[in-house]
PDB file of N, CA and C in Angstrom:
ATOM      1  N   MET A   1      95.422  81.959  89.124  1.00  0.00           N
ATOM      2  CA  MET A   1      94.096  82.546  89.199  1.00  0.00           C
ATOM      3  C   MET A   1      93.220  81.915  88.126  1.00  0.00           C
ATOM      4  N   ALA A   2      92.028  81.542  88.475  1.00  0.00           N
ATOM      5  CA  ALA A   2      91.106  80.916  87.532  1.00  0.00           C
ATOM      6  C   ALA A   2      90.624  81.943  86.511  1.00  0.00           C
ATOM      7  N   GLU A   3      90.267  81.453  85.343  1.00  0.00           N
ATOM      8  CA  GLU A   3      89.839  82.354  84.276  1.00  0.00           C
ATOM      9  C   GLU A   3      88.608  83.163  84.668  1.00  0.00           C
ATOM     10  N   THR A   4      87.656  82.561  85.402  1.00  0.00           N
ATOM     11  CA  THR A   4      86.458  83.298  85.798  1.00  0.00           C
ATOM     12  C   THR A   4      86.821  84.433  86.749  1.00  0.00           C
ATOM     13  N   GLN A   5      87.805  84.227  87.624  1.00  0.00           N
ATOM     14  CA  GLN A   5      88.228  85.297  88.514  1.00  0.00           C
ATOM     15  C   GLN A   5      88.897  86.410  87.722  1.00  0.00           C
ATOM     16  N   THR A   6      89.732  86.056  86.761  1.00  0.00           N
ATOM     17  CA  THR A   6      90.396  87.057  85.936  1.00  0.00           C
ATOM     18  C   THR A   6      89.365  87.852  85.156  1.00  0.00           C
ATOM     19  N   HIS A   7      88.368  87.164  84.576  1.00  0.00           N
ATOM     20  CA  HIS A   7      87.340  87.849  83.795  1.00  0.00           C
ATOM     21  C   HIS A   7      86.570  88.826  84.659  1.00  0.00           C
ATOM     22  N   SER A   8      86.177  88.432  85.862  1.00  0.00           N
ATOM     23  CA  SER A   8      85.396  89.322  86.708  1.00  0.00           C
ATOM     24  C   SER A   8      86.236  90.479  87.225  1.00  0.00           C
ATOM     25  N   THR A   9      87.561  90.278  87.382  1.00  0.00           N
ATOM     26  CA  THR A   9      88.436  91.342  87.851  1.00  0.00           C
ATOM     27  C   THR A   9      88.683  92.362  86.748  1.00  0.00           C
ATOM     28  N   ARG A  10      88.936  91.890  85.547  1.00  0.00           N
ATOM     29  CA  ARG A  10      89.271  92.797  84.454  1.00  0.00           C
ATOM     30  C   ARG A  10      88.029  93.415  83.819  1.00  0.00           C
ATOM     31  N   GLY A  11      86.944  92.710  83.736  1.00  0.00           N
ATOM     32  CA  GLY A  11      85.702  93.250  83.210  1.00  0.00           C
ATOM     33  C   GLY A  11      85.725  93.515  81.720  1.00  0.00           C
ATOM     34  N   ARG A  12      85.020  94.542  81.302  1.00  0.00           N
ATOM     35  CA  ARG A  12      84.919  94.880  79.886  1.00  0.00           C
ATOM     36  C   ARG A  12      86.146  95.645  79.422  1.00  0.00           C
ATOM     37  N   MET A  13      86.418  95.517  78.132  1.00  0.00           N
ATOM     38  CA  MET A  13      87.583  96.170  77.542  1.00  0.00           C
ATOM     39  C   MET A  13      87.150  97.513  76.945  1.00  0.00           C
ATOM     40  N   ILE A  14      87.915  98.550  77.240  1.00  0.00           N
ATOM     41  CA  ILE A  14      87.667  99.881  76.706  1.00  0.00           C
ATOM     42  C   ILE A  14      88.794 100.200  75.734  1.00  0.00           C
ATOM     43  N   VAL A  15      88.449 100.517  74.488  1.00  0.00           N
ATOM     44  CA  VAL A  15      89.435 100.875  73.475  1.00  0.00           C
ATOM     45  C   VAL A  15      89.163 102.321  73.075  1.00  0.00           C
ATOM     46  N   ARG A  16      90.133 103.195  73.362  1.00  0.00           N
ATOM     47  CA  ARG A  16      89.992 104.626  73.087  1.00  0.00           C
ATOM     48  C   ARG A  16      90.984 105.027  71.997  1.00  0.00           C
ATOM     49  N   CYS A  17      90.486 105.655  70.941  1.00  0.00           N
ATOM     50  CA  CYS A  17      91.339 106.097  69.843  1.00  0.00           C
ATOM     51  C   CYS A  17      92.232 107.241  70.324  1.00  0.00           C
ATOM     52  N   LEU A  18      93.503 107.211  69.928  1.00  0.00           N
ATOM     53  CA  LEU A  18      94.451 108.237  70.323  1.00  0.00           C
ATOM     54  C   LEU A  18      94.796 109.210  69.191  1.00  0.00           C
ATOM     55  N   SER A  19      94.083 109.143  68.066  1.00  0.00           N
ATOM     56  CA  SER A  19      94.325 110.079  66.970  1.00  0.00           C
ATOM     57  C   SER A  19      93.946 111.486  67.415  1.00  0.00           C
ATOM     58  N   PRO A  20      94.731 112.487  67.027  1.00  0.00           N
ATOM     59  CA  PRO A  20      94.423 113.866  67.418  1.00  0.00           C
ATOM     60  C   PRO A  20      93.016 114.275  66.970  1.00  0.00           C
ATOM     61  N   GLY A  21      92.246 114.816  67.889  1.00  0.00           N
ATOM     62  CA  GLY A  21      90.900 115.284  67.591  1.00  0.00           C
ATOM     63  C   GLY A  21      89.827 114.209  67.582  1.00  0.00           C
ATOM     64  N   CYS A  22      90.192 112.940  67.688  1.00  0.00           N
ATOM     65  CA  CYS A  22      89.200 111.856  67.666  1.00  0.00           C
ATOM     66  C   CYS A  22      88.710 111.583  69.084  1.00  0.00           C
ATOM     67  N   VAL A  23      87.422 111.350  69.212  1.00  0.00           N
ATOM     68  CA  VAL A  23      86.827 111.078  70.522  1.00  0.00           C
ATOM     69  C   VAL A  23      86.167 109.699  70.588  1.00  0.00           C
ATOM     70  N   HIS A  24      86.445 108.834  69.621  1.00  0.00           N
ATOM     71  CA  HIS A  24      85.801 107.524  69.589  1.00  0.00           C
ATOM     72  C   HIS A  24      86.328 106.596  70.675  1.00  0.00           C
ATOM     73  N   VAL A  25      85.384 105.925  71.319  1.00  0.00           N
ATOM     74  CA  VAL A  25      85.672 104.947  72.368  1.00  0.00           C
ATOM     75  C   VAL A  25      84.744 103.762  72.136  1.00  0.00           C
ATOM     76  N   ALA A  26      85.276 102.549  72.330  1.00  0.00           N
ATOM     77  CA  ALA A  26      84.455 101.341  72.195  1.00  0.00           C
ATOM     78  C   ALA A  26      84.516 100.552  73.493  1.00  0.00           C
ATOM     79  N   LEU A  27      83.370 100.080  73.951  1.00  0.00           N
ATOM     80  CA  LEU A  27      83.270  99.209  75.123  1.00  0.00           C
ATOM     81  C   LEU A  27      82.979  97.820  74.587  1.00  0.00           C
ATOM     82  N   LEU A  28      83.924  96.899  74.769  1.00  0.00           N
ATOM     83  CA  LEU A  28      83.826  95.563  74.169  1.00  0.00           C
ATOM     84  C   LEU A  28      83.800  94.470  75.220  1.00  0.00           C
ATOM     85  N   GLU A  29      83.229  93.341  74.858  1.00  0.00           N
ATOM     86  CA  GLU A  29      83.222  92.152  75.698  1.00  0.00           C
ATOM     87  C   GLU A  29      84.385  91.279  75.228  1.00  0.00           C
ATOM     88  N   PRO A  30      85.547  91.323  75.905  1.00  0.00           N
ATOM     89  CA  PRO A  30      86.746  90.657  75.407  1.00  0.00           C
ATOM     90  C   PRO A  30      86.638  89.138  75.322  1.00  0.00           C
ATOM     91  N   GLN A  31      85.879  88.528  76.201  1.00  0.00           N
ATOM     92  CA  GLN A  31      85.789  87.068  76.180  1.00  0.00           C
ATOM     93  C   GLN A  31      85.137  86.576  74.894  1.00  0.00           C
ATOM     94  N   SER A  32      84.130  87.280  74.420  1.00  0.00           N
ATOM     95  CA  SER A  32      83.467  86.843  73.181  1.00  0.00           C
ATOM     96  C   SER A  32      84.345  87.107  71.954  1.00  0.00           C
ATOM     97  N   LEU A  33      85.235  88.090  72.018  1.00  0.00           N
ATOM     98  CA  LEU A  33      86.121  88.402  70.890  1.00  0.00           C
ATOM     99  C   LEU A  33      87.399  87.576  70.876  1.00  0.00           C
ATOM    100  N   PHE A  34      88.019  87.388  72.054  1.00  0.00           N
ATOM    101  CA  PHE A  34      89.342  86.785  72.123  1.00  0.00           C
ATOM    102  C   PHE A  34      89.404  85.453  72.851  1.00  0.00           C
ATOM    103  N   GLY A  35      88.302  85.032  73.479  1.00  0.00           N
ATOM    104  CA  GLY A  35      88.300  83.760  74.195  1.00  0.00           C
ATOM    105  C   GLY A  35      88.861  83.896  75.598  1.00  0.00           C
ATOM    106  N   PRO A  36      89.724  82.970  76.015  1.00  0.00           N
ATOM    107  CA  PRO A  36      90.239  82.977  77.391  1.00  0.00           C
ATOM    108  C   PRO A  36      91.005  84.265  77.708  1.00  0.00           C
ATOM    109  N   ALA A  37      90.986  84.664  78.959  1.00  0.00           N
ATOM    110  CA  ALA A  37      91.607  85.914  79.396  1.00  0.00           C
ATOM    111  C   ALA A  37      93.082  85.993  79.029  1.00  0.00           C
ATOM    112  N   ARG A  38      93.765  84.870  78.930  1.00  0.00           N
ATOM    113  CA  ARG A  38      95.198  84.894  78.593  1.00  0.00           C
ATOM    114  C   ARG A  38      95.436  85.420  77.173  1.00  0.00           C
ATOM    115  N   ASP A  39      94.393  85.398  76.317  1.00  0.00           N
ATOM    116  CA  ASP A  39      94.515  85.862  74.936  1.00  0.00           C
ATOM    117  C   ASP A  39      94.060  87.311  74.735  1.00  0.00           C
ATOM    118  N   TRP A  40      93.604  87.963  75.805  1.00  0.00           N
ATOM    119  CA  TRP A  40      93.131  89.339  75.691  1.00  0.00           C
ATOM    120  C   TRP A  40      94.309  90.287  75.492  1.00  0.00           C
ATOM    121  N   PRO A  41      94.118  91.387  74.766  1.00  0.00           N
ATOM    122  CA  PRO A  41      95.186  92.369  74.601  1.00  0.00           C
ATOM    123  C   PRO A  41      95.578  92.961  75.961  1.00  0.00           C
ATOM    124  N   ALA A  42      96.847  93.261  76.120  1.00  0.00           N
ATOM    125  CA  ALA A  42      97.324  93.877  77.357  1.00  0.00           C
ATOM    126  C   ALA A  42      96.831  95.318  77.430  1.00  0.00           C
ATOM    127  N   ALA A  43      96.612  95.797  78.641  1.00  0.00           N
ATOM    128  CA  ALA A  43      96.244  97.198  78.840  1.00  0.00           C
ATOM    129  C   ALA A  43      97.417  98.083  78.428  1.00  0.00           C
ATOM    130  N   GLY A  44      97.099  99.247  77.883  1.00  0.00           N
ATOM    131  CA  GLY A  44      98.119 100.194  77.448  1.00  0.00           C
ATOM    132  C   GLY A  44      97.955 100.534  75.977  1.00  0.00           C
ATOM    133  N   ARG A  45      98.986 101.121  75.399  1.00  0.00           N
ATOM    134  CA  ARG A  45      98.946 101.519  73.983  1.00  0.00           C
ATOM    135  C   ARG A  45      98.905 100.281  73.087  1.00  0.00           C
ATOM    136  N   SER A  46      98.149 100.403  71.992  1.00  0.00           N
ATOM    137  CA  SER A  46      97.994  99.281  71.081  1.00  0.00           C
ATOM    138  C   SER A  46      97.811  99.786  69.652  1.00  0.00           C
ATOM    139  N   GLN A  47      98.226  98.976  68.704  1.00  0.00           N
ATOM    140  CA  GLN A  47      97.951  99.241  67.294  1.00  0.00           C
ATOM    141  C   GLN A  47      97.132  98.094  66.711  1.00  0.00           C
ATOM    142  N   ARG A  48      96.451  97.377  67.572  1.00  0.00           N
ATOM    143  CA  ARG A  48      95.704  96.187  67.170  1.00  0.00           C
ATOM    144  C   ARG A  48      94.334  96.523  66.589  1.00  0.00           C
ATOM    145  N   PHE A  49      93.810  97.696  66.882  1.00  0.00           N
ATOM    146  CA  PHE A  49      92.456  98.062  66.475  1.00  0.00           C
ATOM    147  C   PHE A  49      92.493  99.226  65.494  1.00  0.00           C
ATOM    148  N   ARG A  50      91.509  99.288  64.612  1.00  0.00           N
ATOM    149  CA  ARG A  50      91.382 100.417  63.686  1.00  0.00           C
ATOM    150  C   ARG A  50      90.088 101.156  64.018  1.00  0.00           C
ATOM    151  N   CYS A  51      90.211 102.440  64.240  1.00  0.00           N
ATOM    152  CA  CYS A  51      89.061 103.284  64.565  1.00  0.00           C
ATOM    153  C   CYS A  51      88.277 103.600  63.291  1.00  0.00           C
ATOM    154  N   VAL A  52      87.033 104.019  63.440  1.00  0.00           N
ATOM    155  CA  VAL A  52      86.231 104.422  62.288  1.00  0.00           C
ATOM    156  C   VAL A  52      86.827 105.664  61.616  1.00  0.00           C
ATOM    157  N   CYS A  53      87.655 106.433  62.339  1.00  0.00           N
ATOM    158  CA  CYS A  53      88.310 107.605  61.752  1.00  0.00           C
ATOM    159  C   CYS A  53      89.542 107.196  60.938  1.00  0.00           C
ATOM    160  N   GLY A  54      89.940 105.920  61.021  1.00  0.00           N
ATOM    161  CA  GLY A  54      91.106 105.423  60.308  1.00  0.00           C
ATOM    162  C   GLY A  54      92.342 105.307  61.182  1.00  0.00           C
ATOM    163  N   GLY A  55      92.287 105.849  62.391  1.00  0.00           N
ATOM    164  CA  GLY A  55      93.430 105.803  63.301  1.00  0.00           C
ATOM    165  C   GLY A  55      93.768 104.394  63.753  1.00  0.00           C
ATOM    166  N   ARG A  56      95.063 104.125  63.962  1.00  0.00           N
ATOM    167  CA  ARG A  56      95.518 102.810  64.406  1.00  0.00           C
ATOM    168  C   ARG A  56      96.067 102.833  65.821  1.00  0.00           C
ATOM    169  N   GLU A  57      96.322 104.000  66.390  1.00  0.00           N
ATOM    170  CA  GLU A  57      96.828 104.098  67.765  1.00  0.00           C
ATOM    171  C   GLU A  57      95.649 104.146  68.724  1.00  0.00           C
ATOM    172  N   SER A  58      95.668 103.282  69.723  1.00  0.00           N
ATOM    173  CA  SER A  58      94.593 103.288  70.715  1.00  0.00           C
ATOM    174  C   SER A  58      95.164 102.959  72.087  1.00  0.00           C
ATOM    175  N   ARG A  59      94.359 103.201  73.096  1.00  0.00           N
ATOM    176  CA  ARG A  59      94.712 102.829  74.456  1.00  0.00           C
ATOM    177  C   ARG A  59      93.672 101.830  74.929  1.00  0.00           C
ATOM    178  N   VAL A  60      94.153 100.666  75.356  1.00  0.00           N
ATOM    179  CA  VAL A  60      93.278  99.605  75.861  1.00  0.00           C
ATOM    180  C   VAL A  60      93.304  99.651  77.380  1.00  0.00           C
ATOM    181  N   SER A  61      92.117  99.602  77.990  1.00  0.00           N
ATOM    182  CA  SER A  61      92.014  99.502  79.443  1.00  0.00           C
ATOM    183  C   SER A  61      90.834  98.589  79.756  1.00  0.00           C
ATOM    184  N   TYR A  62      90.738  98.205  80.999  1.00  0.00           N
ATOM    185  CA  TYR A  62      89.669  97.309  81.426  1.00  0.00           C
ATOM    186  C   TYR A  62      88.915  97.930  82.585  1.00  0.00           C
ATOM    187  N   ALA A  63      87.595  97.753  82.595  1.00  0.00           N
ATOM    188  CA  ALA A  63      86.750  98.294  83.647  1.00  0.00           C
ATOM    189  C   ALA A  63      85.956  97.165  84.273  1.00  0.00           C
ATOM    190  N   ALA A  64      86.305  96.823  85.496  1.00  0.00           N
ATOM    191  CA  ALA A  64      85.578  95.766  86.205  1.00  0.00           C
ATOM    192  C   ALA A  64      84.174  96.263  86.518  1.00  0.00           C
ATOM    193  N   GLY A  65      83.198  95.437  86.212  1.00  0.00           N
ATOM    194  CA  GLY A  65      81.813  95.767  86.532  1.00  0.00           C
ATOM    195  C   GLY A  65      81.207  96.825  85.637  1.00  0.00           C
ATOM    196  N   ALA A  66      81.816  97.120  84.489  1.00  0.00           N
ATOM    197  CA  ALA A  66      81.249  98.113  83.582  1.00  0.00           C
ATOM    198  C   ALA A  66      79.905  97.608  83.077  1.00  0.00           C
ATOM    199  N   ALA A  67      78.928  98.477  83.073  1.00  0.00           N
ATOM    200  CA  ALA A  67      77.583  98.104  82.662  1.00  0.00           C
ATOM    201  C   ALA A  67      77.137  99.012  81.522  1.00  0.00           C
ATOM    202  N   PRO A  68      76.142  98.593  80.771  1.00  0.00           N
ATOM    203  CA  PRO A  68      75.613  99.481  79.734  1.00  0.00           C
ATOM    204  C   PRO A  68      75.163 100.805  80.343  1.00  0.00           C
ATOM    205  N   ALA A  69      75.231 101.871  79.577  1.00  0.00           N
ATOM    206  CA  ALA A  69      74.910 103.206  80.071  1.00  0.00           C
ATOM    207  C   ALA A  69      73.460 103.336  80.496  1.00  0.00           C
ATOM    208  N   GLU A  70      72.545 102.636  79.835  1.00  0.00           N
ATOM    209  CA  GLU A  70      71.128 102.751  80.156  1.00  0.00           C
ATOM    210  C   GLU A  70      70.591 101.433  80.690  1.00  0.00           C
ATOM    211  N   PRO A  71      69.828 101.489  81.790  1.00  0.00           N
ATOM    212  CA  PRO A  71      69.218 100.261  82.296  1.00  0.00           C
ATOM    213  C   PRO A  71      68.093  99.827  81.359  1.00  0.00           C
ATOM    214  N   PRO A  72      67.694  98.542  81.438  1.00  0.00           N
ATOM    215  CA  PRO A  72      66.586  98.089  80.598  1.00  0.00           C
ATOM    216  C   PRO A  72      65.307  98.867  80.918  1.00  0.00           C
ATOM    217  N   ALA A  73      64.497  99.092  79.918  1.00  0.00           N
ATOM    218  CA  ALA A  73      63.249  99.832  80.107  1.00  0.00           C
ATOM    219  C   ALA A  73      62.246  98.988  80.880  1.00  0.00           C
ATOM    220  N   THR A  74      61.507  99.633  81.751  1.00  0.00           N
ATOM    221  CA  THR A  74      60.444  98.951  82.500  1.00  0.00           C
ATOM    222  C   THR A  74      59.162  99.011  81.667  1.00  0.00           C
ATOM    223  N   PRO A  75      58.239  98.087  81.892  1.00  0.00           N
ATOM    224  CA  PRO A  75      56.969  98.110  81.136  1.00  0.00           C
ATOM    225  C   PRO A  75      56.239  99.450  81.274  1.00  0.00           C
ATOM    226  N   ASP A  76      56.292 100.072  82.459  1.00  0.00           N
ATOM    227  CA  ASP A  76      55.614 101.362  82.652  1.00  0.00           C
ATOM    228  C   ASP A  76      56.226 102.447  81.768  1.00  0.00           C
ATOM    229  N   ALA A  77      57.535 102.445  81.629  1.00  0.00           N
ATOM    230  CA  ALA A  77      58.196 103.440  80.795  1.00  0.00           C
ATOM    231  C   ALA A  77      57.825 103.255  79.334  1.00  0.00           C
ATOM    232  N   ILE A  78      57.657 102.021  78.897  1.00  0.00           N
ATOM    233  CA  ILE A  78      57.272 101.746  77.508  1.00  0.00           C
ATOM    234  C   ILE A  78      55.875 102.274  77.220  1.00  0.00           C
ATOM    235  N   HIS A  79      54.963 102.155  78.185  1.00  0.00           N
ATOM    236  CA  HIS A  79      53.594 102.650  77.997  1.00  0.00           C
ATOM    237  C   HIS A  79      53.571 104.163  77.824  1.00  0.00           C
ATOM    238  N   LEU A  80      54.512 104.875  78.454  1.00  0.00           N
ATOM    239  CA  LEU A  80      54.539 106.333  78.324  1.00  0.00           C
ATOM    240  C   LEU A  80      54.807 106.757  76.889  1.00  0.00           C
ATOM    241  N   TRP A  81      55.527 105.914  76.114  1.00  0.00           N
ATOM    242  CA  TRP A  81      55.859 106.250  74.729  1.00  0.00           C
ATOM    243  C   TRP A  81      54.783 105.797  73.750  1.00  0.00           C
ATOM    244  N   GLY A  82      53.835 104.965  74.194  1.00  0.00           N
ATOM    245  CA  GLY A  82      52.838 104.380  73.292  1.00  0.00           C
ATOM    246  C   GLY A  82      51.773 105.315  72.842  1.00  0.00           C
TER     247      GLY A  82
END
């Protein structure tokens, strides 16, 4: 499978902290952090990342087609705030 196909299939990387009571989650662009898809962390439990709470246990997963939560603002919407 070509790297571009793997990248589009796996999408963005989601790292969720597994420390008790912690709710931190990070949505990352793995290609910019790790390079080719073969170097990306495997999905599942990981101790590769450190959360802002100090936790080292996390769960890595991938979301194909994950997009930012908010769409870009339109010029009309910007005028409403002016």
